[in-house]
Structures are given as C-alpha cells and as structure tokens.
Amino acid sequence: MTSSTAATSDQQNSLLGTLIIVPWANEPAPGSNGAATPFLLVCSRGDGRDGPGPGAKALRAELEKTGLWIGEGTADLTRKTQSPVTLLVEAGRAVLSMPFLHVQCPVTPNWEKAAHESGTAYLICTVRPWPEAVQGMPVGADQLREFVSDEQLVPTSARCLLPVRRVRT
C-alpha cells in the first residue's frame, strides 16, 4: 500500500484540477541483486474547471511543453545536463519539479533506498484521469496494479527515467 499526494493550485480555476502523485517500488526482478525499481505516477483526478476531457488536453499540452510526449517510448533524462524535470529524494520525501508542478510526497524507506541505490526513478505522467485516487488517502496495491497495468495507460502516458538528486552537504 502507498499513499497519494495531491498538488492543487486553485483547483476551481485550473483546467488541470487536482494532480495526484503516487510513489511505489516494484518487487526486485530475478537476477537484479535484490534491487527494487522506484516509480512515480502523476495523474489528474479529472476534477478541473471544465471536466476530465479538457483537463486531459491541458495536461497533455503541459507535458509536451516540458518535452515529454504522450505514447512515445521512455525518455532517458539521465543523459541530459539540463532538464525541466527534476527529482530530489531525501529524508523520506520525493520532491518532483516540473514547469507546471512542484510537489513533495512521502516515500517509504524501501522506495528511498531503491532510488538512492539506482540513482534513478521512473516517472509516468498519464493524461487518463483517475477519479478514484483521493488525495492523502492510501492506494491499495491491487487498486494501483489495476490502474497501471491497464492497456490504456501506455498510450495515454508520457514516461521518463529521471536522475535522483540528493541534498549536498
């Protein structure tokens, strides 16, 4: 089970509405030396000013302005020296920054460890609304698995591999 975090910016006036951020780490793959893979999912609840359709269109436009394209392969942002998408992981928190979004969400110790060990995390931003995800409420493993394994997720998502940054001391 993981929890969802919401990023809202005047929800009543925003086309995007409430954006939900859900972190999870998969089970280690056989032969992976026991390393889990950290993921972040960003999606709308579909509660924007003009409803889910215009909200999805607005989110697609924001993602494309950022250089992330819906339905394309996974973009490797670890190879870019300058990226408009950054991820800081420290003290049980993931801080995701995009031109249209800046949010902190709590992550499990397993998620944080996986992110630090691999130095990367996968970001999935889907324009497909998920109205059942409620901000601050737990998301069950079965509920998350059902949403992310749906055949409509890939063609409605922008995906990228992000470098994980840490606070320098």
N, C-alpha and C. Protein backbone atom coordinates (compact mmCIF):
# COMPACT_ATOMS: atom_id res chain seq x y z
N MET A 1 0.84 -1.17 0.00
CA MET A 1 0.00 0.00 0.00
C MET A 1 0.89 1.23 0.00
N THR A 2 0.48 2.24 -0.71
CA THR A 2 1.19 3.51 -0.77
C THR A 2 0.18 4.61 -0.59
N SER A 3 0.65 5.82 -0.36
CA SER A 3 -0.31 6.91 -0.20
C SER A 3 -0.19 7.86 -1.36
N SER A 4 -1.26 8.57 -1.62
CA SER A 4 -1.27 9.56 -2.70
C SER A 4 -1.08 10.94 -2.12
N THR A 5 -0.44 11.78 -2.88
CA THR A 5 -0.26 13.17 -2.51
C THR A 5 -0.87 13.99 -3.63
N ALA A 6 -1.51 15.09 -3.26
CA ALA A 6 -2.14 15.94 -4.28
C ALA A 6 -1.40 17.24 -4.41
N ALA A 7 -1.34 17.71 -5.64
CA ALA A 7 -0.81 19.04 -5.92
C ALA A 7 -1.97 19.84 -6.49
N THR A 8 -2.42 20.84 -5.74
CA THR A 8 -3.53 21.65 -6.22
C THR A 8 -3.09 23.09 -6.32
N SER A 9 -3.55 23.76 -7.34
CA SER A 9 -3.29 25.18 -7.47
C SER A 9 -4.59 25.83 -7.89
N ASP A 10 -5.35 26.28 -6.89
CA ASP A 10 -6.64 26.89 -7.12
C ASP A 10 -7.48 25.99 -8.03
N GLN A 11 -7.80 24.82 -7.51
CA GLN A 11 -8.47 23.77 -8.25
C GLN A 11 -9.70 24.26 -9.02
N GLN A 12 -10.49 25.16 -8.44
CA GLN A 12 -11.70 25.59 -9.11
C GLN A 12 -11.41 26.35 -10.41
N ASN A 13 -10.28 27.03 -10.51
CA ASN A 13 -9.95 27.80 -11.70
C ASN A 13 -9.00 27.08 -12.64
N SER A 14 -8.46 25.94 -12.24
CA SER A 14 -7.47 25.22 -13.03
C SER A 14 -8.13 24.23 -13.98
N LEU A 15 -7.66 24.21 -15.21
CA LEU A 15 -8.11 23.17 -16.13
C LEU A 15 -7.61 21.80 -15.69
N LEU A 16 -6.41 21.77 -15.07
CA LEU A 16 -5.81 20.50 -14.66
C LEU A 16 -6.53 19.88 -13.48
N GLY A 17 -7.07 20.69 -12.59
CA GLY A 17 -7.70 20.16 -11.39
C GLY A 17 -6.66 19.62 -10.43
N THR A 18 -7.02 18.62 -9.66
CA THR A 18 -6.12 18.01 -8.68
C THR A 18 -5.23 17.00 -9.36
N LEU A 19 -3.92 17.17 -9.21
CA LEU A 19 -2.96 16.19 -9.72
C LEU A 19 -2.54 15.31 -8.56
N ILE A 20 -2.65 14.02 -8.75
CA ILE A 20 -2.31 13.04 -7.73
C ILE A 20 -0.92 12.47 -8.04
N ILE A 21 -0.09 12.35 -7.01
CA ILE A 21 1.24 11.78 -7.14
C ILE A 21 1.28 10.51 -6.29
N VAL A 22 1.61 9.39 -6.91
CA VAL A 22 1.65 8.11 -6.19
C VAL A 22 3.02 7.47 -6.40
N PRO A 23 3.80 7.31 -5.32
CA PRO A 23 5.08 6.60 -5.43
C PRO A 23 4.89 5.11 -5.11
N TRP A 24 5.63 4.27 -5.81
CA TRP A 24 5.68 2.87 -5.44
C TRP A 24 6.99 2.28 -5.97
N ALA A 25 7.39 1.18 -5.37
CA ALA A 25 8.57 0.45 -5.83
C ALA A 25 8.12 -0.97 -6.14
N ASN A 26 8.58 -1.46 -7.30
CA ASN A 26 8.19 -2.82 -7.66
C ASN A 26 9.03 -3.82 -6.87
N GLU A 27 8.64 -5.05 -6.97
CA GLU A 27 9.41 -6.13 -6.34
C GLU A 27 10.68 -6.33 -7.16
N PRO A 28 11.78 -6.66 -6.51
CA PRO A 28 13.02 -6.90 -7.26
C PRO A 28 12.84 -8.01 -8.30
N ALA A 29 13.40 -7.78 -9.47
CA ALA A 29 13.34 -8.78 -10.54
C ALA A 29 14.38 -9.87 -10.27
N PRO A 30 14.11 -11.09 -10.70
CA PRO A 30 15.10 -12.15 -10.53
C PRO A 30 16.41 -11.74 -11.23
N GLY A 31 17.52 -11.93 -10.53
CA GLY A 31 18.81 -11.58 -11.09
C GLY A 31 19.19 -10.12 -10.94
N SER A 32 18.38 -9.34 -10.21
CA SER A 32 18.66 -7.90 -10.07
C SER A 32 19.40 -7.57 -8.79
N ASN A 33 19.96 -8.56 -8.14
CA ASN A 33 20.67 -8.37 -6.87
C ASN A 33 19.76 -7.78 -5.79
N GLY A 34 18.47 -8.06 -5.88
CA GLY A 34 17.54 -7.62 -4.85
C GLY A 34 17.18 -6.15 -4.91
N ALA A 35 17.48 -5.48 -6.02
CA ALA A 35 17.17 -4.05 -6.13
C ALA A 35 15.75 -3.84 -6.65
N ALA A 36 15.00 -3.01 -5.96
CA ALA A 36 13.65 -2.64 -6.40
C ALA A 36 13.77 -1.45 -7.36
N THR A 37 12.73 -1.19 -8.12
CA THR A 37 12.70 -0.05 -9.03
C THR A 37 11.68 0.95 -8.53
N PRO A 38 12.10 2.21 -8.29
CA PRO A 38 11.15 3.22 -7.82
C PRO A 38 10.39 3.88 -8.99
N PHE A 39 9.10 4.10 -8.78
CA PHE A 39 8.24 4.74 -9.76
C PHE A 39 7.49 5.90 -9.10
N LEU A 40 7.15 6.90 -9.90
CA LEU A 40 6.24 7.96 -9.51
C LEU A 40 5.18 8.06 -10.59
N LEU A 41 3.92 8.09 -10.19
CA LEU A 41 2.81 8.25 -11.11
C LEU A 41 2.19 9.62 -10.87
N VAL A 42 2.00 10.39 -11.94
CA VAL A 42 1.31 11.67 -11.87
C VAL A 42 0.07 11.55 -12.76
N CYS A 43 -1.10 11.85 -12.17
CA CYS A 43 -2.33 11.83 -12.95
C CYS A 43 -3.32 12.81 -12.33
N SER A 44 -4.29 13.17 -13.12
CA SER A 44 -5.34 14.07 -12.66
C SER A 44 -6.50 13.25 -12.11
N ARG A 45 -7.24 13.87 -11.20
CA ARG A 45 -8.49 13.24 -10.73
C ARG A 45 -9.62 13.52 -11.72
N GLY A 46 -9.37 14.39 -12.70
CA GLY A 46 -10.41 14.72 -13.67
C GLY A 46 -11.40 15.74 -13.15
N ASP A 47 -10.99 16.49 -12.10
CA ASP A 47 -11.90 17.44 -11.45
C ASP A 47 -11.58 18.90 -11.77
N GLY A 48 -10.98 19.13 -12.92
CA GLY A 48 -10.65 20.50 -13.32
C GLY A 48 -11.89 21.32 -13.66
N ARG A 49 -11.69 22.57 -13.86
CA ARG A 49 -12.76 23.54 -14.11
C ARG A 49 -13.76 23.09 -15.18
N ASP A 50 -13.24 22.54 -16.29
CA ASP A 50 -14.12 22.19 -17.40
C ASP A 50 -14.33 20.68 -17.56
N GLY A 51 -13.92 19.91 -16.55
CA GLY A 51 -14.13 18.46 -16.59
C GLY A 51 -12.92 17.68 -17.05
N PRO A 52 -13.07 16.35 -17.12
CA PRO A 52 -11.92 15.49 -17.41
C PRO A 52 -11.36 15.62 -18.83
N GLY A 53 -12.19 15.79 -19.84
CA GLY A 53 -11.70 15.88 -21.23
C GLY A 53 -10.78 17.08 -21.44
N PRO A 54 -11.27 18.30 -21.15
CA PRO A 54 -10.40 19.47 -21.29
C PRO A 54 -9.19 19.41 -20.34
N GLY A 55 -9.37 18.78 -19.16
CA GLY A 55 -8.25 18.64 -18.23
C GLY A 55 -7.15 17.77 -18.81
N ALA A 56 -7.54 16.66 -19.45
CA ALA A 56 -6.57 15.77 -20.07
C ALA A 56 -5.83 16.48 -21.20
N LYS A 57 -6.56 17.27 -21.97
CA LYS A 57 -5.96 18.02 -23.08
C LYS A 57 -4.96 19.06 -22.54
N ALA A 58 -5.32 19.72 -21.44
CA ALA A 58 -4.43 20.71 -20.83
C ALA A 58 -3.18 20.05 -20.25
N LEU A 59 -3.34 18.88 -19.62
CA LEU A 59 -2.18 18.17 -19.07
C LEU A 59 -1.27 17.70 -20.19
N ARG A 60 -1.83 17.21 -21.27
CA ARG A 60 -1.03 16.81 -22.44
C ARG A 60 -0.21 18.00 -22.95
N ALA A 61 -0.84 19.16 -23.06
CA ALA A 61 -0.13 20.36 -23.54
C ALA A 61 1.02 20.73 -22.61
N GLU A 62 0.79 20.65 -21.30
CA GLU A 62 1.84 20.98 -20.33
C GLU A 62 3.00 19.99 -20.43
N LEU A 63 2.69 18.72 -20.57
CA LEU A 63 3.74 17.71 -20.69
C LEU A 63 4.55 17.91 -21.97
N GLU A 64 3.86 18.21 -23.06
CA GLU A 64 4.56 18.42 -24.33
C GLU A 64 5.43 19.67 -24.29
N LYS A 65 4.97 20.73 -23.60
CA LYS A 65 5.81 21.93 -23.42
C LYS A 65 7.08 21.59 -22.65
N THR A 66 6.98 20.60 -21.78
CA THR A 66 8.12 20.16 -20.97
C THR A 66 9.06 19.27 -21.79
N GLY A 67 8.60 18.80 -22.94
CA GLY A 67 9.41 17.92 -23.78
C GLY A 67 9.10 16.45 -23.59
N LEU A 68 7.99 16.15 -22.90
CA LEU A 68 7.56 14.76 -22.71
C LEU A 68 6.36 14.50 -23.60
N TRP A 69 6.43 13.44 -24.39
CA TRP A 69 5.40 13.18 -25.38
C TRP A 69 4.57 11.96 -25.00
N ILE A 70 3.27 12.10 -25.14
CA ILE A 70 2.32 11.05 -24.81
C ILE A 70 2.46 9.89 -25.81
N GLY A 71 2.52 8.67 -25.27
CA GLY A 71 2.54 7.48 -26.11
C GLY A 71 3.89 7.13 -26.69
N GLU A 72 4.88 7.96 -26.54
CA GLU A 72 6.22 7.67 -27.05
C GLU A 72 6.92 6.71 -26.11
N GLY A 73 8.13 6.31 -26.45
CA GLY A 73 8.91 5.45 -25.57
C GLY A 73 9.33 6.20 -24.31
N THR A 74 10.09 5.55 -23.48
CA THR A 74 10.56 6.15 -22.24
C THR A 74 11.74 7.06 -22.54
N ALA A 75 11.60 8.34 -22.20
CA ALA A 75 12.68 9.31 -22.41
C ALA A 75 13.71 9.14 -21.29
N ASP A 76 14.99 9.12 -21.64
CA ASP A 76 16.06 8.99 -20.66
C ASP A 76 16.60 10.37 -20.33
N LEU A 77 16.10 10.94 -19.23
CA LEU A 77 16.54 12.27 -18.83
C LEU A 77 17.81 12.23 -17.99
N THR A 78 18.34 11.02 -17.75
CA THR A 78 19.59 10.91 -17.00
C THR A 78 20.77 11.36 -17.85
N ARG A 79 20.59 11.42 -19.15
CA ARG A 79 21.66 11.80 -20.08
C ARG A 79 21.68 13.30 -20.39
N LYS A 80 20.67 14.02 -19.89
CA LYS A 80 20.59 15.46 -20.14
C LYS A 80 21.23 16.23 -18.99
N THR A 81 22.05 17.21 -19.33
CA THR A 81 22.64 18.02 -18.26
C THR A 81 21.65 19.06 -17.75
N GLN A 82 20.76 19.51 -18.59
CA GLN A 82 19.71 20.46 -18.20
C GLN A 82 18.37 19.85 -18.56
N SER A 83 17.51 19.70 -17.57
CA SER A 83 16.18 19.16 -17.80
C SER A 83 15.16 19.97 -17.01
N PRO A 84 13.99 20.21 -17.59
CA PRO A 84 12.95 20.92 -16.85
C PRO A 84 12.25 20.05 -15.81
N VAL A 85 12.64 18.76 -15.75
CA VAL A 85 12.05 17.83 -14.79
C VAL A 85 13.16 17.37 -13.85
N THR A 86 12.95 17.58 -12.55
CA THR A 86 13.96 17.15 -11.58
C THR A 86 13.30 16.39 -10.44
N LEU A 87 14.10 15.55 -9.81
CA LEU A 87 13.63 14.76 -8.69
C LEU A 87 14.69 14.76 -7.60
N LEU A 88 14.32 15.28 -6.45
CA LEU A 88 15.18 15.28 -5.26
C LEU A 88 14.58 14.28 -4.28
N VAL A 89 15.41 13.37 -3.78
CA VAL A 89 14.94 12.38 -2.82
C VAL A 89 15.80 12.48 -1.57
N GLU A 90 15.15 12.79 -0.46
CA GLU A 90 15.88 12.99 0.80
C GLU A 90 14.90 12.92 1.95
N ALA A 91 15.34 12.32 3.05
CA ALA A 91 14.60 12.31 4.32
C ALA A 91 13.16 11.81 4.18
N GLY A 92 12.99 10.72 3.42
CA GLY A 92 11.66 10.14 3.29
C GLY A 92 10.71 10.92 2.42
N ARG A 93 11.24 11.78 1.55
CA ARG A 93 10.42 12.59 0.66
C ARG A 93 10.99 12.59 -0.75
N ALA A 94 10.10 12.62 -1.71
CA ALA A 94 10.46 12.83 -3.11
C ALA A 94 9.91 14.19 -3.50
N VAL A 95 10.76 15.03 -4.04
CA VAL A 95 10.35 16.36 -4.47
C VAL A 95 10.45 16.39 -6.00
N LEU A 96 9.31 16.41 -6.65
CA LEU A 96 9.24 16.43 -8.11
C LEU A 96 8.98 17.85 -8.58
N SER A 97 9.83 18.33 -9.48
CA SER A 97 9.65 19.67 -10.04
C SER A 97 9.55 19.59 -11.56
N MET A 98 8.49 20.20 -12.06
CA MET A 98 8.25 20.33 -13.49
C MET A 98 7.80 21.77 -13.70
N PRO A 99 7.86 22.29 -14.91
CA PRO A 99 7.46 23.69 -15.10
C PRO A 99 6.05 24.01 -14.59
N PHE A 100 5.14 23.06 -14.61
CA PHE A 100 3.76 23.31 -14.18
C PHE A 100 3.42 22.66 -12.84
N LEU A 101 4.42 22.05 -12.18
CA LEU A 101 4.16 21.28 -10.97
C LEU A 101 5.38 21.26 -10.08
N HIS A 102 5.17 21.49 -8.80
CA HIS A 102 6.22 21.31 -7.80
C HIS A 102 5.53 20.69 -6.59
N VAL A 103 5.92 19.45 -6.27
CA VAL A 103 5.23 18.73 -5.20
C VAL A 103 6.22 17.86 -4.42
N GLN A 104 5.94 17.75 -3.14
CA GLN A 104 6.66 16.82 -2.26
C GLN A 104 5.71 15.70 -1.91
N CYS A 105 6.21 14.49 -1.89
CA CYS A 105 5.38 13.39 -1.41
C CYS A 105 6.21 12.47 -0.53
N PRO A 106 5.58 11.91 0.49
CA PRO A 106 6.31 10.96 1.33
C PRO A 106 6.57 9.68 0.56
N VAL A 107 7.73 9.07 0.81
CA VAL A 107 8.06 7.79 0.19
C VAL A 107 8.49 6.83 1.29
N THR A 108 8.33 5.55 1.04
CA THR A 108 8.72 4.54 2.01
C THR A 108 10.24 4.42 2.06
N PRO A 109 10.76 3.90 3.15
CA PRO A 109 12.21 3.66 3.20
C PRO A 109 12.70 2.78 2.05
N ASN A 110 11.90 1.77 1.65
CA ASN A 110 12.25 0.91 0.54
C ASN A 110 12.34 1.70 -0.77
N TRP A 111 11.39 2.61 -0.99
CA TRP A 111 11.39 3.44 -2.20
C TRP A 111 12.63 4.34 -2.20
N GLU A 112 12.90 4.98 -1.08
CA GLU A 112 14.05 5.88 -0.99
C GLU A 112 15.36 5.12 -1.20
N LYS A 113 15.47 3.95 -0.59
CA LYS A 113 16.68 3.13 -0.74
C LYS A 113 16.87 2.74 -2.21
N ALA A 114 15.79 2.29 -2.86
CA ALA A 114 15.87 1.90 -4.27
C ALA A 114 16.29 3.08 -5.14
N ALA A 115 15.74 4.26 -4.86
CA ALA A 115 16.08 5.46 -5.63
C ALA A 115 17.56 5.82 -5.45
N HIS A 116 18.04 5.76 -4.24
CA HIS A 116 19.44 6.12 -3.99
C HIS A 116 20.40 5.07 -4.55
N GLU A 117 20.05 3.80 -4.43
CA GLU A 117 20.93 2.75 -4.95
C GLU A 117 21.04 2.78 -6.46
N SER A 118 19.92 2.98 -7.14
CA SER A 118 19.94 3.00 -8.61
C SER A 118 20.33 4.37 -9.15
N GLY A 119 20.06 5.41 -8.38
CA GLY A 119 20.33 6.77 -8.85
C GLY A 119 19.29 7.26 -9.84
N THR A 120 18.21 6.47 -10.01
CA THR A 120 17.17 6.84 -10.97
C THR A 120 15.79 6.45 -10.43
N ALA A 121 14.77 7.03 -11.05
CA ALA A 121 13.38 6.65 -10.78
C ALA A 121 12.61 6.84 -12.08
N TYR A 122 11.59 6.03 -12.26
CA TYR A 122 10.73 6.15 -13.44
C TYR A 122 9.54 7.04 -13.11
N LEU A 123 9.28 7.99 -14.00
CA LEU A 123 8.14 8.89 -13.87
C LEU A 123 7.14 8.54 -14.97
N ILE A 124 5.90 8.34 -14.56
CA ILE A 124 4.81 8.09 -15.50
C ILE A 124 3.80 9.21 -15.29
N CYS A 125 3.55 10.00 -16.33
CA CYS A 125 2.54 11.06 -16.28
C CYS A 125 1.45 10.68 -17.26
N THR A 126 0.28 10.35 -16.75
CA THR A 126 -0.80 9.95 -17.63
C THR A 126 -1.87 11.03 -17.71
N VAL A 127 -2.40 11.21 -18.90
CA VAL A 127 -3.49 12.17 -19.08
C VAL A 127 -4.84 11.49 -18.81
N ARG A 128 -4.79 10.21 -18.57
CA ARG A 128 -6.01 9.46 -18.22
C ARG A 128 -6.37 9.78 -16.77
N PRO A 129 -7.53 10.37 -16.51
CA PRO A 129 -7.91 10.70 -15.13
C PRO A 129 -8.10 9.45 -14.28
N TRP A 130 -7.84 9.63 -13.00
CA TRP A 130 -8.07 8.56 -12.03
C TRP A 130 -8.87 9.15 -10.88
N PRO A 131 -10.19 9.30 -11.05
CA PRO A 131 -11.02 9.94 -10.02
C PRO A 131 -11.10 9.15 -8.72
N GLU A 132 -10.80 7.85 -8.77
CA GLU A 132 -10.85 7.04 -7.55
C GLU A 132 -9.69 7.31 -6.61
N ALA A 133 -8.60 7.86 -7.11
CA ALA A 133 -7.45 8.20 -6.25
C ALA A 133 -7.79 9.48 -5.49
N VAL A 134 -7.75 9.39 -4.19
CA VAL A 134 -8.14 10.52 -3.35
C VAL A 134 -6.90 11.03 -2.62
N GLN A 135 -6.71 12.35 -2.68
CA GLN A 135 -5.53 12.94 -2.07
C GLN A 135 -5.41 12.57 -0.60
N GLY A 136 -4.18 12.18 -0.22
CA GLY A 136 -3.89 11.86 1.16
C GLY A 136 -4.40 10.52 1.64
N MET A 137 -5.11 9.80 0.81
CA MET A 137 -5.67 8.50 1.20
C MET A 137 -4.78 7.38 0.65
N PRO A 138 -4.71 6.28 1.37
CA PRO A 138 -3.91 5.14 0.88
C PRO A 138 -4.45 4.60 -0.44
N VAL A 139 -3.53 4.14 -1.26
CA VAL A 139 -3.87 3.46 -2.51
C VAL A 139 -3.44 2.02 -2.33
N GLY A 140 -4.38 1.10 -2.38
CA GLY A 140 -4.07 -0.30 -2.20
C GLY A 140 -3.27 -0.85 -3.36
N ALA A 141 -2.48 -1.88 -3.09
CA ALA A 141 -1.64 -2.50 -4.13
C ALA A 141 -2.49 -2.99 -5.31
N ASP A 142 -3.64 -3.58 -5.02
CA ASP A 142 -4.50 -4.08 -6.10
C ASP A 142 -5.07 -2.94 -6.93
N GLN A 143 -5.47 -1.87 -6.26
CA GLN A 143 -6.02 -0.70 -6.95
C GLN A 143 -4.95 -0.07 -7.85
N LEU A 144 -3.73 0.08 -7.34
CA LEU A 144 -2.63 0.65 -8.13
C LEU A 144 -2.29 -0.27 -9.29
N ARG A 145 -2.16 -1.57 -9.04
CA ARG A 145 -1.83 -2.53 -10.08
C ARG A 145 -2.86 -2.49 -11.20
N GLU A 146 -4.14 -2.41 -10.83
CA GLU A 146 -5.20 -2.36 -11.84
C GLU A 146 -5.07 -1.12 -12.72
N PHE A 147 -4.77 0.02 -12.11
CA PHE A 147 -4.67 1.26 -12.88
C PHE A 147 -3.43 1.25 -13.78
N VAL A 148 -2.27 0.90 -13.24
CA VAL A 148 -1.04 1.00 -14.03
C VAL A 148 -0.87 -0.14 -15.04
N SER A 149 -1.59 -1.25 -14.86
CA SER A 149 -1.46 -2.34 -15.81
C SER A 149 -2.55 -2.31 -16.88
N ASP A 150 -3.44 -1.34 -16.81
CA ASP A 150 -4.49 -1.22 -17.82
C ASP A 150 -3.84 -0.93 -19.18
N GLU A 151 -4.35 -1.54 -20.22
CA GLU A 151 -3.77 -1.38 -21.55
C GLU A 151 -3.85 0.06 -22.06
N GLN A 152 -4.69 0.89 -21.48
CA GLN A 152 -4.79 2.29 -21.90
C GLN A 152 -3.75 3.19 -21.24
N LEU A 153 -2.99 2.68 -20.29
CA LEU A 153 -2.02 3.54 -19.60
C LEU A 153 -0.89 3.99 -20.53
N VAL A 154 -0.26 3.07 -21.23
CA VAL A 154 0.89 3.43 -22.07
C VAL A 154 0.51 4.45 -23.16
N PRO A 155 -0.56 4.24 -23.94
CA PRO A 155 -0.85 5.22 -24.99
C PRO A 155 -1.34 6.57 -24.47
N THR A 156 -1.65 6.65 -23.17
CA THR A 156 -2.12 7.93 -22.61
C THR A 156 -1.09 8.52 -21.64
N SER A 157 0.16 8.05 -21.72
CA SER A 157 1.17 8.47 -20.76
C SER A 157 2.45 8.96 -21.42
N ALA A 158 3.11 9.87 -20.72
CA ALA A 158 4.49 10.25 -21.02
C ALA A 158 5.32 9.56 -19.95
N ARG A 159 6.42 8.93 -20.37
CA ARG A 159 7.25 8.19 -19.42
C ARG A 159 8.70 8.62 -19.56
N CYS A 160 9.38 8.71 -18.41
CA CYS A 160 10.79 9.07 -18.46
C CYS A 160 11.54 8.47 -17.28
N LEU A 161 12.83 8.32 -17.48
CA LEU A 161 13.74 7.90 -16.44
C LEU A 161 14.45 9.15 -15.95
N LEU A 162 14.32 9.41 -14.64
CA LEU A 162 14.89 10.62 -14.05
C LEU A 162 16.09 10.31 -13.19
N PRO A 163 17.09 11.19 -13.21
CA PRO A 163 18.17 11.04 -12.23
C PRO A 163 17.66 11.46 -10.86
N VAL A 164 18.10 10.78 -9.83
CA VAL A 164 17.72 11.11 -8.47
C VAL A 164 18.80 12.01 -7.89
N ARG A 165 18.38 13.17 -7.44
CA ARG A 165 19.33 14.10 -6.82
C ARG A 165 19.18 14.02 -5.31
N ARG A 166 20.27 14.42 -4.63
CA ARG A 166 20.28 14.46 -3.17
C ARG A 166 20.78 15.83 -2.73
N VAL A 167 20.48 16.17 -1.50
CA VAL A 167 20.97 17.41 -0.93
C VAL A 167 22.47 17.22 -0.69
N ARG A 168 23.24 18.18 -1.14
CA ARG A 168 24.69 18.12 -0.93
C ARG A 168 25.03 18.74 0.43
N THR A 169 25.90 18.06 1.15
CA THR A 169 26.30 18.57 2.46
C THR A 169 27.76 18.94 2.47
